[in-house]
Amino acid sequence: MSARAAKGNLCLGSNVIELLLPHRRPLLMVDHVTGYAAEPSPQLTAGRHISANEEVFAGHFPDLHLWPGVYTIEGLGQSCHLVVLILTLQRLHREQGGDSEDVLVALRNLELGYRLRPGFRPELAERIVGPLREVNHLGVSSAVEIKLLQPVFAGQRLDYRVTLTHEIDKLKRFDVEALVRDEPVARGVMTGSVAFDLAGVLRKT
């Protein structure tokens, strides 16, 4: 993995993530973001708290709350989706003459609103939320090369680290890693694309 995203520079909870990702429960595998960096390589740190109340534990497996490895892989894929979306928002904002940091400021402002904290600015939130309401986007993996290293159980927190390493047109390649208590539980490479018409929507605003 390349240098880590600055921890704490972008902290987002589940409500903001649901505005950014099209996924919904029970297949929403990211419930918080803890860091993001656009340079030197776009990267994001995020995670998922795993509860014993998860529906999947009714069958995987009875009497043993073992988190499915495919869910860990899905969480890594959704984290990659978040990197692409935030990076695209920043690039388009720069094309319009703005500062890419403005996008992170707007996302932090959204989080203030959902946390009922002082300082929330509705007009700043609408600059992000308004366009996103009109966007249809879907992340598709074309190749997944991930090794599952350790089992994951209920009561643990999965941390995701994903780094965008290559871009060829719409195709993107990521180094990905999942950890529990700083110990790797999955690691590998994901290749795919995110299909969405964000540029057209934002240029109308």
N, C-alpha and C. Protein backbone atom coordinates (compact mmCIF):
# COMPACT_ATOMS: atom_id res chain seq x y z
N MET A 1 0.85 -1.20 0.00
CA MET A 1 0.00 0.00 0.00
C MET A 1 0.88 1.25 0.00
N SER A 2 0.39 2.33 -0.61
CA SER A 2 1.12 3.59 -0.56
C SER A 2 0.85 4.27 0.77
N ALA A 3 1.39 5.49 0.93
CA ALA A 3 1.21 6.22 2.18
C ALA A 3 -0.26 6.32 2.54
N ARG A 4 -0.57 6.20 3.81
CA ARG A 4 -1.97 6.17 4.24
C ARG A 4 -2.63 7.53 4.10
N ALA A 5 -3.93 7.49 3.86
CA ALA A 5 -4.72 8.71 3.91
C ALA A 5 -4.64 9.29 5.31
N ALA A 6 -4.62 10.60 5.38
CA ALA A 6 -4.50 11.26 6.68
C ALA A 6 -5.69 10.91 7.55
N LYS A 7 -5.44 10.19 8.63
CA LYS A 7 -6.53 9.75 9.50
C LYS A 7 -7.16 10.95 10.18
N GLY A 8 -8.49 11.01 10.09
CA GLY A 8 -9.23 12.07 10.76
C GLY A 8 -9.47 13.30 9.91
N ASN A 9 -8.88 13.37 8.69
CA ASN A 9 -9.09 14.58 7.89
C ASN A 9 -10.45 14.60 7.20
N LEU A 10 -11.07 13.40 7.10
CA LEU A 10 -12.43 13.32 6.55
C LEU A 10 -13.15 12.22 7.30
N CYS A 11 -14.00 12.62 8.23
CA CYS A 11 -14.74 11.65 9.06
C CYS A 11 -16.23 11.74 8.70
N LEU A 12 -16.73 10.69 8.10
CA LEU A 12 -18.11 10.65 7.66
C LEU A 12 -18.82 9.45 8.26
N GLY A 13 -20.08 9.64 8.65
CA GLY A 13 -20.87 8.56 9.20
C GLY A 13 -21.80 7.94 8.16
N SER A 14 -22.66 7.05 8.62
CA SER A 14 -23.47 6.26 7.71
C SER A 14 -24.47 7.09 6.90
N ASN A 15 -25.00 8.17 7.46
CA ASN A 15 -25.98 8.97 6.72
C ASN A 15 -25.37 9.62 5.49
N VAL A 16 -24.17 10.17 5.64
CA VAL A 16 -23.50 10.80 4.49
C VAL A 16 -23.10 9.73 3.49
N ILE A 17 -22.63 8.59 3.97
CA ILE A 17 -22.24 7.52 3.07
C ILE A 17 -23.42 7.05 2.22
N GLU A 18 -24.62 7.04 2.80
CA GLU A 18 -25.80 6.64 2.02
C GLU A 18 -26.15 7.66 0.95
N LEU A 19 -25.68 8.90 1.10
CA LEU A 19 -25.85 9.87 0.03
C LEU A 19 -24.86 9.64 -1.10
N LEU A 20 -23.70 9.07 -0.76
CA LEU A 20 -22.64 8.90 -1.74
C LEU A 20 -22.70 7.57 -2.47
N LEU A 21 -23.14 6.52 -1.78
CA LEU A 21 -23.18 5.19 -2.38
C LEU A 21 -24.61 4.79 -2.73
N PRO A 22 -24.79 4.02 -3.80
CA PRO A 22 -26.13 3.54 -4.14
C PRO A 22 -26.55 2.33 -3.32
N HIS A 23 -25.63 1.69 -2.63
CA HIS A 23 -25.92 0.47 -1.89
C HIS A 23 -26.78 0.77 -0.65
N ARG A 24 -27.57 -0.21 -0.25
CA ARG A 24 -28.40 -0.08 0.94
C ARG A 24 -28.35 -1.37 1.74
N ARG A 25 -28.72 -1.28 3.02
CA ARG A 25 -28.73 -2.45 3.89
C ARG A 25 -29.65 -3.52 3.30
N PRO A 26 -29.32 -4.78 3.41
CA PRO A 26 -28.24 -5.34 4.21
C PRO A 26 -26.90 -5.44 3.48
N LEU A 27 -26.80 -4.84 2.28
CA LEU A 27 -25.57 -4.96 1.51
C LEU A 27 -24.75 -3.67 1.46
N LEU A 28 -25.01 -2.77 2.37
CA LEU A 28 -24.14 -1.59 2.53
C LEU A 28 -23.03 -1.99 3.49
N MET A 29 -21.81 -2.10 2.99
CA MET A 29 -20.72 -2.67 3.77
C MET A 29 -19.72 -1.63 4.30
N VAL A 30 -20.06 -0.35 4.17
CA VAL A 30 -19.24 0.72 4.74
C VAL A 30 -20.15 1.57 5.61
N ASP A 31 -19.78 1.77 6.88
CA ASP A 31 -20.62 2.65 7.71
C ASP A 31 -19.86 3.86 8.26
N HIS A 32 -18.57 3.99 7.93
CA HIS A 32 -17.86 5.20 8.30
C HIS A 32 -16.61 5.36 7.44
N VAL A 33 -16.24 6.62 7.23
CA VAL A 33 -14.99 6.99 6.57
C VAL A 33 -14.13 7.71 7.58
N THR A 34 -12.83 7.40 7.60
CA THR A 34 -11.94 8.02 8.59
C THR A 34 -10.81 8.82 7.98
N GLY A 35 -10.61 8.75 6.66
CA GLY A 35 -9.54 9.52 6.06
C GLY A 35 -9.57 9.46 4.55
N TYR A 36 -9.03 10.52 3.92
CA TYR A 36 -8.99 10.59 2.46
C TYR A 36 -7.82 11.45 2.04
N ALA A 37 -7.19 11.09 0.93
CA ALA A 37 -6.14 11.91 0.33
C ALA A 37 -6.20 11.75 -1.17
N ALA A 38 -6.05 12.85 -1.91
CA ALA A 38 -6.05 12.79 -3.37
C ALA A 38 -4.64 12.60 -3.92
N GLU A 39 -3.63 12.93 -3.13
CA GLU A 39 -2.24 12.85 -3.58
C GLU A 39 -1.40 12.18 -2.49
N PRO A 40 -0.30 11.51 -2.86
CA PRO A 40 0.22 11.31 -4.23
C PRO A 40 -0.62 10.33 -5.04
N SER A 41 -1.29 9.40 -4.38
CA SER A 41 -2.23 8.49 -5.03
C SER A 41 -3.55 8.56 -4.27
N PRO A 42 -4.68 8.70 -4.97
CA PRO A 42 -5.96 8.79 -4.27
C PRO A 42 -6.18 7.58 -3.38
N GLN A 43 -6.54 7.84 -2.13
CA GLN A 43 -6.71 6.75 -1.17
C GLN A 43 -7.73 7.11 -0.11
N LEU A 44 -8.29 6.07 0.50
CA LEU A 44 -9.35 6.27 1.48
C LEU A 44 -9.25 5.22 2.55
N THR A 45 -9.53 5.61 3.79
CA THR A 45 -9.66 4.65 4.89
C THR A 45 -11.11 4.72 5.36
N ALA A 46 -11.71 3.56 5.56
CA ALA A 46 -13.11 3.47 5.95
C ALA A 46 -13.29 2.22 6.79
N GLY A 47 -14.53 1.87 7.11
CA GLY A 47 -14.73 0.68 7.92
C GLY A 47 -16.17 0.29 8.08
N ARG A 48 -16.33 -0.80 8.78
CA ARG A 48 -17.67 -1.37 9.04
C ARG A 48 -17.66 -2.03 10.40
N HIS A 49 -18.58 -1.64 11.29
CA HIS A 49 -18.77 -2.31 12.56
C HIS A 49 -19.67 -3.52 12.35
N ILE A 50 -19.26 -4.66 12.85
CA ILE A 50 -20.00 -5.90 12.63
C ILE A 50 -20.73 -6.29 13.91
N SER A 51 -22.04 -6.31 13.82
CA SER A 51 -22.88 -6.64 14.97
C SER A 51 -23.33 -8.09 14.91
N ALA A 52 -23.55 -8.68 16.09
CA ALA A 52 -24.11 -10.03 16.14
C ALA A 52 -25.54 -10.06 15.62
N ASN A 53 -26.17 -8.89 15.45
CA ASN A 53 -27.54 -8.82 14.94
C ASN A 53 -27.62 -8.83 13.42
N GLU A 54 -26.50 -8.92 12.72
CA GLU A 54 -26.52 -8.94 11.26
C GLU A 54 -27.38 -10.12 10.77
N GLU A 55 -28.19 -9.85 9.75
CA GLU A 55 -29.08 -10.89 9.22
C GLU A 55 -28.33 -12.11 8.72
N VAL A 56 -27.16 -11.90 8.17
CA VAL A 56 -26.43 -13.00 7.56
C VAL A 56 -26.06 -14.09 8.58
N PHE A 57 -25.95 -13.71 9.87
CA PHE A 57 -25.52 -14.69 10.87
C PHE A 57 -26.59 -15.74 11.17
N ALA A 58 -27.79 -15.53 10.66
CA ALA A 58 -28.82 -16.56 10.82
C ALA A 58 -28.47 -17.83 10.05
N GLY A 59 -27.64 -17.66 9.01
CA GLY A 59 -27.30 -18.83 8.22
C GLY A 59 -25.81 -19.03 8.00
N HIS A 60 -24.99 -18.06 8.43
CA HIS A 60 -23.54 -18.13 8.18
C HIS A 60 -22.78 -17.77 9.45
N PHE A 61 -22.60 -18.66 10.30
CA PHE A 61 -23.23 -19.97 10.39
C PHE A 61 -24.01 -20.02 11.68
N PRO A 62 -25.05 -20.88 11.81
CA PRO A 62 -25.73 -21.01 13.09
C PRO A 62 -24.73 -21.38 14.19
N ASP A 63 -24.78 -20.65 15.30
CA ASP A 63 -23.93 -20.89 16.46
C ASP A 63 -22.47 -20.47 16.24
N LEU A 64 -22.15 -19.86 15.09
CA LEU A 64 -20.81 -19.33 14.87
C LEU A 64 -20.93 -18.08 13.99
N HIS A 65 -20.77 -16.91 14.60
CA HIS A 65 -20.97 -15.66 13.88
C HIS A 65 -19.73 -15.30 13.07
N LEU A 66 -19.54 -16.04 11.99
CA LEU A 66 -18.39 -15.85 11.11
C LEU A 66 -18.79 -14.97 9.93
N TRP A 67 -18.13 -13.84 9.79
CA TRP A 67 -18.43 -12.87 8.73
C TRP A 67 -18.02 -13.43 7.38
N PRO A 68 -18.92 -13.44 6.39
CA PRO A 68 -18.57 -14.00 5.08
C PRO A 68 -17.43 -13.21 4.42
N GLY A 69 -16.46 -13.93 3.90
CA GLY A 69 -15.34 -13.28 3.23
C GLY A 69 -15.78 -12.43 2.06
N VAL A 70 -16.84 -12.85 1.37
CA VAL A 70 -17.32 -12.08 0.23
C VAL A 70 -17.84 -10.72 0.66
N TYR A 71 -18.32 -10.60 1.91
CA TYR A 71 -18.77 -9.31 2.42
C TYR A 71 -17.58 -8.38 2.68
N THR A 72 -16.48 -8.95 3.14
CA THR A 72 -15.26 -8.15 3.31
C THR A 72 -14.80 -7.62 1.95
N ILE A 73 -14.84 -8.46 0.94
CA ILE A 73 -14.45 -8.04 -0.41
C ILE A 73 -15.39 -6.97 -0.93
N GLU A 74 -16.70 -7.13 -0.67
CA GLU A 74 -17.67 -6.12 -1.09
C GLU A 74 -17.41 -4.78 -0.41
N GLY A 75 -17.07 -4.82 0.87
CA GLY A 75 -16.75 -3.58 1.58
C GLY A 75 -15.55 -2.87 0.98
N LEU A 76 -14.55 -3.62 0.57
CA LEU A 76 -13.39 -3.03 -0.09
C LEU A 76 -13.81 -2.41 -1.42
N GLY A 77 -14.68 -3.11 -2.16
CA GLY A 77 -15.15 -2.57 -3.43
C GLY A 77 -15.94 -1.28 -3.25
N GLN A 78 -16.79 -1.22 -2.21
CA GLN A 78 -17.55 0.00 -1.96
C GLN A 78 -16.64 1.14 -1.53
N SER A 79 -15.56 0.83 -0.82
CA SER A 79 -14.59 1.86 -0.45
C SER A 79 -13.90 2.41 -1.70
N CYS A 80 -13.60 1.54 -2.66
CA CYS A 80 -13.03 1.99 -3.93
C CYS A 80 -14.01 2.91 -4.66
N HIS A 81 -15.28 2.55 -4.61
CA HIS A 81 -16.34 3.38 -5.22
C HIS A 81 -16.32 4.78 -4.61
N LEU A 82 -16.18 4.86 -3.30
CA LEU A 82 -16.14 6.16 -2.62
C LEU A 82 -14.95 7.00 -3.08
N VAL A 83 -13.78 6.36 -3.22
CA VAL A 83 -12.60 7.09 -3.70
C VAL A 83 -12.88 7.72 -5.06
N VAL A 84 -13.44 6.93 -5.98
CA VAL A 84 -13.69 7.43 -7.33
C VAL A 84 -14.69 8.58 -7.31
N LEU A 85 -15.73 8.46 -6.51
CA LEU A 85 -16.75 9.50 -6.46
C LEU A 85 -16.18 10.80 -5.90
N ILE A 86 -15.49 10.74 -4.77
CA ILE A 86 -14.93 11.95 -4.17
C ILE A 86 -13.90 12.59 -5.10
N LEU A 87 -13.05 11.76 -5.69
CA LEU A 87 -12.03 12.27 -6.61
C LEU A 87 -12.67 12.95 -7.82
N THR A 88 -13.74 12.35 -8.35
CA THR A 88 -14.43 12.94 -9.50
C THR A 88 -15.07 14.26 -9.13
N LEU A 89 -15.70 14.32 -7.96
CA LEU A 89 -16.26 15.60 -7.50
C LEU A 89 -15.19 16.68 -7.41
N GLN A 90 -14.02 16.32 -6.91
CA GLN A 90 -12.93 17.29 -6.80
C GLN A 90 -12.44 17.75 -8.17
N ARG A 91 -12.27 16.82 -9.08
CA ARG A 91 -11.77 17.17 -10.41
C ARG A 91 -12.75 18.08 -11.14
N LEU A 92 -14.02 17.78 -11.05
CA LEU A 92 -15.02 18.61 -11.71
C LEU A 92 -15.11 19.99 -11.07
N HIS A 93 -14.97 20.05 -9.77
CA HIS A 93 -15.01 21.34 -9.08
C HIS A 93 -13.81 22.21 -9.50
N ARG A 94 -12.65 21.58 -9.68
CA ARG A 94 -11.49 22.33 -10.15
C ARG A 94 -11.69 22.84 -11.58
N GLU A 95 -12.34 22.04 -12.42
CA GLU A 95 -12.63 22.47 -13.79
C GLU A 95 -13.50 23.72 -13.80
N GLN A 96 -14.31 23.87 -12.77
CA GLN A 96 -15.20 25.04 -12.68
C GLN A 96 -14.52 26.21 -11.97
N GLY A 97 -13.21 26.06 -11.70
CA GLY A 97 -12.46 27.15 -11.09
C GLY A 97 -12.39 27.12 -9.58
N GLY A 98 -12.88 26.06 -8.97
CA GLY A 98 -12.87 25.96 -7.52
C GLY A 98 -11.65 25.24 -6.99
N ASP A 99 -11.57 25.15 -5.67
CA ASP A 99 -10.50 24.45 -4.98
C ASP A 99 -11.01 23.06 -4.60
N SER A 100 -10.21 22.04 -4.86
CA SER A 100 -10.65 20.67 -4.56
C SER A 100 -10.96 20.47 -3.09
N GLU A 101 -10.35 21.27 -2.22
CA GLU A 101 -10.61 21.16 -0.79
C GLU A 101 -12.05 21.55 -0.46
N ASP A 102 -12.68 22.36 -1.34
CA ASP A 102 -14.07 22.77 -1.12
C ASP A 102 -15.00 21.56 -1.02
N VAL A 103 -14.71 20.50 -1.78
CA VAL A 103 -15.55 19.30 -1.76
C VAL A 103 -15.47 18.64 -0.39
N LEU A 104 -14.27 18.55 0.18
CA LEU A 104 -14.12 17.95 1.50
C LEU A 104 -14.80 18.80 2.56
N VAL A 105 -14.70 20.13 2.41
CA VAL A 105 -15.38 21.04 3.34
C VAL A 105 -16.89 20.80 3.29
N ALA A 106 -17.42 20.64 2.09
CA ALA A 106 -18.87 20.42 1.94
C ALA A 106 -19.29 19.09 2.55
N LEU A 107 -18.45 18.05 2.39
CA LEU A 107 -18.78 16.75 2.99
C LEU A 107 -18.71 16.82 4.51
N ARG A 108 -17.71 17.51 5.04
CA ARG A 108 -17.64 17.67 6.51
C ARG A 108 -18.84 18.44 7.03
N ASN A 109 -19.29 19.42 6.26
CA ASN A 109 -20.46 20.19 6.64
C ASN A 109 -21.71 19.30 6.70
N LEU A 110 -21.84 18.40 5.72
CA LEU A 110 -22.96 17.45 5.75
C LEU A 110 -22.93 16.62 7.03
N GLU A 111 -21.76 16.17 7.40
CA GLU A 111 -21.64 15.36 8.60
C GLU A 111 -22.05 16.16 9.84
N LEU A 112 -21.71 17.45 9.88
CA LEU A 112 -22.15 18.31 10.99
C LEU A 112 -23.66 18.30 11.10
N GLY A 113 -24.34 18.39 9.96
CA GLY A 113 -25.79 18.41 9.97
C GLY A 113 -26.38 17.13 10.51
N TYR A 114 -25.84 15.99 10.06
CA TYR A 114 -26.37 14.71 10.52
C TYR A 114 -26.01 14.41 11.97
N ARG A 115 -24.99 15.07 12.49
CA ARG A 115 -24.62 14.90 13.90
C ARG A 115 -25.28 15.95 14.80
N LEU A 116 -26.11 16.81 14.18
CA LEU A 116 -26.81 17.88 14.93
C LEU A 116 -25.82 18.77 15.66
N ARG A 117 -24.72 19.07 14.99
CA ARG A 117 -23.67 19.90 15.57
C ARG A 117 -23.82 21.34 15.10
N PRO A 118 -23.37 22.31 15.91
CA PRO A 118 -23.44 23.71 15.48
C PRO A 118 -22.50 23.96 14.30
N GLY A 119 -22.85 24.96 13.51
CA GLY A 119 -22.01 25.33 12.37
C GLY A 119 -22.47 24.77 11.05
N PHE A 120 -23.51 23.93 11.06
CA PHE A 120 -24.00 23.35 9.82
C PHE A 120 -24.58 24.43 8.92
N ARG A 121 -24.21 24.38 7.62
CA ARG A 121 -24.68 25.36 6.63
C ARG A 121 -25.48 24.65 5.55
N PRO A 122 -26.81 24.75 5.58
CA PRO A 122 -27.66 24.04 4.60
C PRO A 122 -27.33 24.38 3.16
N GLU A 123 -27.00 25.64 2.87
CA GLU A 123 -26.73 26.03 1.48
C GLU A 123 -25.46 25.36 0.95
N LEU A 124 -24.49 25.12 1.84
CA LEU A 124 -23.27 24.43 1.43
C LEU A 124 -23.55 22.94 1.21
N ALA A 125 -24.40 22.37 2.04
CA ALA A 125 -24.76 20.96 1.89
C ALA A 125 -25.47 20.72 0.56
N GLU A 126 -26.32 21.65 0.15
CA GLU A 126 -27.09 21.45 -1.07
C GLU A 126 -26.22 21.41 -2.31
N ARG A 127 -25.04 22.03 -2.25
CA ARG A 127 -24.14 22.00 -3.41
C ARG A 127 -23.68 20.57 -3.72
N ILE A 128 -23.62 19.75 -2.68
CA ILE A 128 -23.23 18.35 -2.87
C ILE A 128 -24.48 17.47 -3.01
N VAL A 129 -25.43 17.65 -2.11
CA VAL A 129 -26.60 16.77 -2.06
C VAL A 129 -27.48 16.95 -3.30
N GLY A 130 -27.68 18.17 -3.75
CA GLY A 130 -28.53 18.43 -4.89
C GLY A 130 -28.12 17.64 -6.12
N PRO A 131 -26.88 17.80 -6.58
CA PRO A 131 -26.44 17.02 -7.76
C PRO A 131 -26.47 15.52 -7.53
N LEU A 132 -26.11 15.06 -6.34
CA LEU A 132 -26.05 13.62 -6.10
C LEU A 132 -27.42 12.98 -6.18
N ARG A 133 -28.47 13.73 -5.87
CA ARG A 133 -29.82 13.17 -5.96
C ARG A 133 -30.17 12.78 -7.40
N GLU A 134 -29.53 13.44 -8.37
CA GLU A 134 -29.87 13.21 -9.77
C GLU A 134 -28.94 12.21 -10.45
N VAL A 135 -27.98 11.69 -9.73
CA VAL A 135 -26.96 10.85 -10.36
C VAL A 135 -27.27 9.38 -10.16
N ASN A 136 -27.22 8.62 -11.23
CA ASN A 136 -27.25 7.17 -11.15
C ASN A 136 -25.84 6.67 -11.35
N HIS A 137 -25.30 5.92 -10.39
CA HIS A 137 -23.94 5.42 -10.54
C HIS A 137 -23.86 4.02 -9.98
N LEU A 138 -23.01 3.24 -10.63
CA LEU A 138 -22.88 1.83 -10.29
C LEU A 138 -21.42 1.41 -10.42
N GLY A 139 -20.88 0.81 -9.38
CA GLY A 139 -19.52 0.29 -9.43
C GLY A 139 -19.54 -1.16 -9.87
N VAL A 140 -18.67 -1.49 -10.83
CA VAL A 140 -18.61 -2.84 -11.36
C VAL A 140 -17.17 -3.33 -11.29
N SER A 141 -16.96 -4.48 -10.64
CA SER A 141 -15.63 -5.08 -10.58
C SER A 141 -15.42 -5.99 -11.77
N SER A 142 -14.29 -5.84 -12.45
CA SER A 142 -13.99 -6.71 -13.58
C SER A 142 -12.95 -7.76 -13.23
N ALA A 143 -12.18 -7.51 -12.16
CA ALA A 143 -11.19 -8.49 -11.71
C ALA A 143 -10.95 -8.29 -10.23
N VAL A 144 -10.96 -9.38 -9.48
CA VAL A 144 -10.72 -9.34 -8.04
C VAL A 144 -9.68 -10.39 -7.70
N GLU A 145 -8.56 -9.91 -7.18
CA GLU A 145 -7.49 -10.81 -6.77
C GLU A 145 -7.19 -10.53 -5.30
N ILE A 146 -7.97 -11.14 -4.41
CA ILE A 146 -7.86 -10.87 -2.98
C ILE A 146 -7.66 -12.17 -2.22
N LYS A 147 -6.72 -12.14 -1.31
CA LYS A 147 -6.48 -13.30 -0.45
C LYS A 147 -7.07 -13.01 0.93
N LEU A 148 -7.90 -13.93 1.41
CA LEU A 148 -8.44 -13.82 2.77
C LEU A 148 -7.43 -14.43 3.74
N LEU A 149 -6.98 -13.63 4.70
CA LEU A 149 -5.86 -14.03 5.55
C LEU A 149 -6.28 -14.51 6.93
N GLN A 150 -7.38 -13.95 7.46
CA GLN A 150 -7.83 -14.29 8.81
C GLN A 150 -9.35 -14.25 8.84
N PRO A 151 -10.00 -15.07 9.69
CA PRO A 151 -11.45 -14.97 9.83
C PRO A 151 -11.86 -13.70 10.56
N VAL A 152 -13.07 -13.26 10.30
CA VAL A 152 -13.63 -12.06 10.93
C VAL A 152 -14.93 -12.46 11.61
N PHE A 153 -15.15 -11.94 12.83
CA PHE A 153 -16.31 -12.37 13.62
C PHE A 153 -17.14 -11.18 14.08
N ALA A 154 -18.36 -11.49 14.52
CA ALA A 154 -19.22 -10.47 15.10
C ALA A 154 -18.52 -9.81 16.29
N GLY A 155 -18.78 -8.51 16.46
CA GLY A 155 -18.17 -7.77 17.55
C GLY A 155 -16.87 -7.10 17.15
N GLN A 156 -16.40 -7.36 15.94
CA GLN A 156 -15.16 -6.74 15.48
C GLN A 156 -15.47 -5.58 14.54
N ARG A 157 -14.44 -4.74 14.33
CA ARG A 157 -14.56 -3.64 13.39
C ARG A 157 -13.59 -3.89 12.24
N LEU A 158 -14.13 -3.90 11.05
CA LEU A 158 -13.31 -4.05 9.85
C LEU A 158 -12.85 -2.68 9.39
N ASP A 159 -11.56 -2.53 9.18
CA ASP A 159 -11.02 -1.29 8.62
C ASP A 159 -10.57 -1.55 7.19
N TYR A 160 -10.95 -0.65 6.29
CA TYR A 160 -10.59 -0.78 4.89
C TYR A 160 -9.56 0.29 4.52
N ARG A 161 -8.56 -0.10 3.74
CA ARG A 161 -7.61 0.85 3.16
C ARG A 161 -7.53 0.57 1.67
N VAL A 162 -7.87 1.55 0.86
CA VAL A 162 -7.86 1.35 -0.59
C VAL A 162 -7.09 2.50 -1.25
N THR A 163 -6.30 2.17 -2.26
CA THR A 163 -5.48 3.16 -2.96
C THR A 163 -5.64 2.97 -4.46
N LEU A 164 -5.98 4.04 -5.15
CA LEU A 164 -6.08 4.01 -6.61
C LEU A 164 -4.67 4.08 -7.19
N THR A 165 -4.25 3.05 -7.92
CA THR A 165 -2.88 2.98 -8.42
C THR A 165 -2.78 3.20 -9.92
N HIS A 166 -3.84 2.86 -10.69
CA HIS A 166 -3.78 3.00 -12.14
C HIS A 166 -5.14 3.42 -12.68
N GLU A 167 -5.14 4.28 -13.70
CA GLU A 167 -6.35 4.68 -14.40
C GLU A 167 -6.13 4.58 -15.90
N ILE A 168 -6.97 3.84 -16.58
CA ILE A 168 -6.97 3.79 -18.04
C ILE A 168 -8.39 4.03 -18.50
N ASP A 169 -8.66 5.27 -18.92
CA ASP A 169 -10.02 5.69 -19.27
C ASP A 169 -10.92 5.46 -18.06
N LYS A 170 -11.99 4.66 -18.19
CA LYS A 170 -12.89 4.43 -17.06
C LYS A 170 -12.46 3.27 -16.18
N LEU A 171 -11.48 2.51 -16.63
CA LEU A 171 -11.01 1.36 -15.86
C LEU A 171 -10.00 1.81 -14.81
N LYS A 172 -10.19 1.30 -13.58
CA LYS A 172 -9.33 1.71 -12.48
C LYS A 172 -8.85 0.48 -11.69
N ARG A 173 -7.63 0.59 -11.18
CA ARG A 173 -7.04 -0.51 -10.43
C ARG A 173 -6.67 -0.01 -9.04
N PHE A 174 -6.97 -0.83 -8.04
CA PHE A 174 -6.76 -0.44 -6.64
C PHE A 174 -5.95 -1.50 -5.88
N ASP A 175 -5.07 -1.04 -5.04
CA ASP A 175 -4.51 -1.89 -3.99
C ASP A 175 -5.45 -1.79 -2.80
N VAL A 176 -5.85 -2.93 -2.23
CA VAL A 176 -6.83 -2.93 -1.16
C VAL A 176 -6.36 -3.80 0.01
N GLU A 177 -6.81 -3.41 1.20
CA GLU A 177 -6.45 -4.17 2.40
C GLU A 177 -7.55 -3.99 3.43
N ALA A 178 -7.92 -5.07 4.11
CA ALA A 178 -8.87 -5.01 5.22
C ALA A 178 -8.15 -5.48 6.48
N LEU A 179 -8.44 -4.81 7.59
CA LEU A 179 -7.75 -5.12 8.84
C LEU A 179 -8.72 -5.18 10.00
N VAL A 180 -8.35 -5.93 11.02
CA VAL A 180 -9.03 -5.94 12.31
C VAL A 180 -7.95 -5.72 13.37
N ARG A 181 -8.10 -4.64 14.14
CA ARG A 181 -7.10 -4.29 15.15
C ARG A 181 -5.70 -4.21 14.55
N ASP A 182 -5.62 -3.60 13.38
CA ASP A 182 -4.36 -3.38 12.66
C ASP A 182 -3.71 -4.65 12.13
N GLU A 183 -4.42 -5.78 12.22
CA GLU A 183 -3.91 -7.02 11.66
C GLU A 183 -4.64 -7.31 10.34
N PRO A 184 -3.91 -7.50 9.24
CA PRO A 184 -4.56 -7.74 7.95
C PRO A 184 -5.41 -9.01 7.96
N VAL A 185 -6.63 -8.90 7.45
CA VAL A 185 -7.50 -10.05 7.30
C VAL A 185 -7.79 -10.34 5.82
N ALA A 186 -7.49 -9.38 4.96
CA ALA A 186 -7.64 -9.57 3.52
C ALA A 186 -6.75 -8.55 2.82
N ARG A 187 -6.21 -8.96 1.68
CA ARG A 187 -5.31 -8.06 0.94
C ARG A 187 -5.27 -8.47 -0.52
N GLY A 188 -5.18 -7.49 -1.40
CA GLY A 188 -5.07 -7.83 -2.81
C GLY A 188 -5.27 -6.63 -3.73
N VAL A 189 -5.77 -6.92 -4.93
CA VAL A 189 -5.94 -5.92 -5.98
C VAL A 189 -7.35 -6.06 -6.55
N MET A 190 -7.99 -4.91 -6.80
CA MET A 190 -9.31 -4.90 -7.45
C MET A 190 -9.23 -4.00 -8.67
N THR A 191 -9.87 -4.44 -9.75
CA THR A 191 -9.94 -3.66 -10.97
C THR A 191 -11.39 -3.54 -11.38
N GLY A 192 -11.81 -2.33 -11.75
CA GLY A 192 -13.19 -2.14 -12.15
C GLY A 192 -13.44 -0.72 -12.58
N SER A 193 -14.70 -0.36 -12.68
CA SER A 193 -15.07 0.98 -13.10
C SER A 193 -16.32 1.41 -12.36
N VAL A 194 -16.52 2.71 -12.29
CA VAL A 194 -17.75 3.28 -11.74
C VAL A 194 -18.43 4.03 -12.87
N ALA A 195 -19.61 3.58 -13.25
CA ALA A 195 -20.35 4.20 -14.35
C ALA A 195 -21.37 5.17 -13.79
N PHE A 196 -21.19 6.46 -14.09
CA PHE A 196 -22.15 7.46 -13.65
C PHE A 196 -22.00 8.71 -14.51
N ASP A 197 -23.09 9.48 -14.59
CA ASP A 197 -23.07 10.71 -15.38
C ASP A 197 -23.08 11.88 -14.41
N LEU A 198 -21.99 12.03 -13.68
CA LEU A 198 -21.91 13.09 -12.69
C LEU A 198 -21.55 14.43 -13.33
N ALA A 199 -20.69 14.39 -14.34
CA ALA A 199 -20.21 15.62 -14.95
C ALA A 199 -21.37 16.46 -15.50
N GLY A 200 -22.29 15.82 -16.22
CA GLY A 200 -23.40 16.56 -16.82
C GLY A 200 -24.28 17.21 -15.78
N VAL A 201 -24.52 16.50 -14.68
CA VAL A 201 -25.38 17.04 -13.63
C VAL A 201 -24.73 18.23 -12.95
N LEU A 202 -23.44 18.10 -12.61
CA LEU A 202 -22.77 19.17 -11.89
C LEU A 202 -22.64 20.43 -12.74
N ARG A 203 -22.48 20.26 -14.04
CA ARG A 203 -22.31 21.44 -14.89
C ARG A 203 -23.61 22.23 -15.08
N LYS A 204 -24.72 21.62 -14.67
CA LYS A 204 -26.00 22.34 -14.71
C LYS A 204 -26.16 23.26 -13.50
N THR A 205 -25.35 23.00 -12.44
CA THR A 205 -25.55 23.75 -11.20
C THR A 205 -24.77 25.03 -11.20
